[in-house]
Amino acid sequence: MIRLRVKEIAQQKGISQRQLSLRSGVDINTVRKIFRYPQSIVTTETLDKFAGVLGVDASELIESVSPEN
């Protein structure tokens, strides 16, 4: 299973949901959904926008996790 790390990295960088939305051009509702549900499906374009704002490589925004039993 793939899990998004956008929330954790944004918090580490001190960037709020609203700031991430405004700087990336991604709708605030999409950002909220990703923060609340890290298993959300997103496009590579969205990940690239977040990576640019957060100053990280896009690969750092995802992680592979074992499915819970």
C-alpha atoms as a PDB file:
ATOM      1  CA  MET A   1       0.000   0.000   0.000  1.00  0.00           C
ATOM      2  CA  ILE A   2       1.213   3.518  -0.783  1.00  0.00           C
ATOM      3  CA  ARG A   3       0.840   6.281   1.790  1.00  0.00           C
ATOM      4  CA  LEU A   4       1.384   9.981   1.188  1.00  0.00           C
ATOM      5  CA  ARG A   5       3.706  11.851   3.549  1.00  0.00           C
ATOM      6  CA  VAL A   6       2.572  15.333   2.495  1.00  0.00           C
ATOM      7  CA  LYS A   7       1.086  16.185   5.899  1.00  0.00           C
ATOM      8  CA  GLU A   8       4.177  15.131   7.871  1.00  0.00           C
ATOM      9  CA  ILE A   9       6.595  16.979   5.625  1.00  0.00           C
ATOM     10  CA  ALA A  10       4.441  20.117   5.500  1.00  0.00           C
ATOM     11  CA  GLN A  11       4.267  20.129   9.305  1.00  0.00           C
ATOM     12  CA  GLN A  12       8.046  19.672   9.557  1.00  0.00           C
ATOM     13  CA  LYS A  13       8.502  22.667   7.254  1.00  0.00           C
ATOM     14  CA  GLY A  14       5.881  24.756   9.088  1.00  0.00           C
ATOM     15  CA  ILE A  15       3.596  24.996   6.057  1.00  0.00           C
ATOM     16  CA  SER A  16      -0.154  24.982   6.674  1.00  0.00           C
ATOM     17  CA  GLN A  17      -2.776  23.381   4.459  1.00  0.00           C
ATOM     18  CA  ARG A  18      -3.814  26.820   3.218  1.00  0.00           C
ATOM     19  CA  GLN A  19      -0.242  27.871   2.427  1.00  0.00           C
ATOM     20  CA  LEU A  20       0.355  24.600   0.589  1.00  0.00           C
ATOM     21  CA  SER A  21      -2.816  25.107  -1.410  1.00  0.00           C
ATOM     22  CA  LEU A  22      -2.027  28.713  -2.340  1.00  0.00           C
ATOM     23  CA  ARG A  23       1.619  28.091  -3.221  1.00  0.00           C
ATOM     24  CA  SER A  24       0.979  24.910  -5.214  1.00  0.00           C
ATOM     25  CA  GLY A  25      -2.216  25.963  -6.959  1.00  0.00           C
ATOM     26  CA  VAL A  26      -3.940  22.794  -5.707  1.00  0.00           C
ATOM     27  CA  ASP A  27      -7.501  23.253  -4.444  1.00  0.00           C
ATOM     28  CA  ILE A  28      -7.755  23.526  -0.643  1.00  0.00           C
ATOM     29  CA  ASN A  29     -10.303  20.700  -0.524  1.00  0.00           C
ATOM     30  CA  THR A  30      -7.834  18.381  -2.246  1.00  0.00           C
ATOM     31  CA  VAL A  31      -5.120  19.345   0.231  1.00  0.00           C
ATOM     32  CA  ARG A  32      -7.482  18.732   3.158  1.00  0.00           C
ATOM     33  CA  LYS A  33      -8.433  15.316   1.747  1.00  0.00           C
ATOM     34  CA  ILE A  34      -4.783  14.312   1.378  1.00  0.00           C
ATOM     35  CA  PHE A  35      -3.978  15.446   4.927  1.00  0.00           C
ATOM     36  CA  ARG A  36      -6.951  13.530   6.332  1.00  0.00           C
ATOM     37  CA  TYR A  37      -6.657  10.424   4.144  1.00  0.00           C
ATOM     38  CA  PRO A  38      -2.994   9.770   3.297  1.00  0.00           C
ATOM     39  CA  GLN A  39      -3.943   6.803   1.102  1.00  0.00           C
ATOM     40  CA  SER A  40      -5.764   9.145  -1.307  1.00  0.00           C
ATOM     41  CA  ILE A  41      -5.102   8.784  -5.014  1.00  0.00           C
ATOM     42  CA  VAL A  42      -3.315  11.789  -6.493  1.00  0.00           C
ATOM     43  CA  THR A  43      -1.703  12.575  -9.812  1.00  0.00           C
ATOM     44  CA  THR A  44       2.015  12.817 -10.318  1.00  0.00           C
ATOM     45  CA  GLU A  45       1.411  16.439 -11.340  1.00  0.00           C
ATOM     46  CA  THR A  46      -0.059  17.181  -7.892  1.00  0.00           C
ATOM     47  CA  LEU A  47       2.847  15.441  -6.160  1.00  0.00           C
ATOM     48  CA  ASP A  48       5.268  17.467  -8.256  1.00  0.00           C
ATOM     49  CA  LYS A  49       3.556  20.721  -7.236  1.00  0.00           C
ATOM     50  CA  PHE A  50       3.704  19.770  -3.560  1.00  0.00           C
ATOM     51  CA  ALA A  51       7.358  18.741  -3.880  1.00  0.00           C
ATOM     52  CA  GLY A  52       8.218  22.134  -5.362  1.00  0.00           C
ATOM     53  CA  VAL A  53       6.523  24.019  -2.532  1.00  0.00           C
ATOM     54  CA  LEU A  54       7.973  21.778   0.168  1.00  0.00           C
ATOM     55  CA  GLY A  55      11.471  21.790  -1.317  1.00  0.00           C
ATOM     56  CA  VAL A  56      11.792  18.008  -1.483  1.00  0.00           C
ATOM     57  CA  ASP A  57      12.033  15.369  -4.171  1.00  0.00           C
ATOM     58  CA  ALA A  58       8.616  13.985  -5.098  1.00  0.00           C
ATOM     59  CA  SER A  59       9.782  10.507  -4.073  1.00  0.00           C
ATOM     60  CA  GLU A  60       9.968  11.736  -0.460  1.00  0.00           C
ATOM     61  CA  LEU A  61       6.215  12.385  -0.477  1.00  0.00           C
ATOM     62  CA  ILE A  62       5.283   8.720  -0.746  1.00  0.00           C
ATOM     63  CA  GLU A  63       6.112   5.609   1.216  1.00  0.00           C
ATOM     64  CA  SER A  64       5.246   1.964   0.896  1.00  0.00           C
ATOM     65  CA  VAL A  65       3.583   0.498   3.974  1.00  0.00           C
ATOM     66  CA  SER A  66       2.348  -2.962   4.847  1.00  0.00           C
ATOM     67  CA  PRO A  67      -1.429  -3.338   4.737  1.00  0.00           C
ATOM     68  CA  GLU A  68      -2.934  -3.643   8.196  1.00  0.00           C
ATOM     69  CA  ASN A  69      -4.440  -7.002   9.046  1.00  0.00           C
END
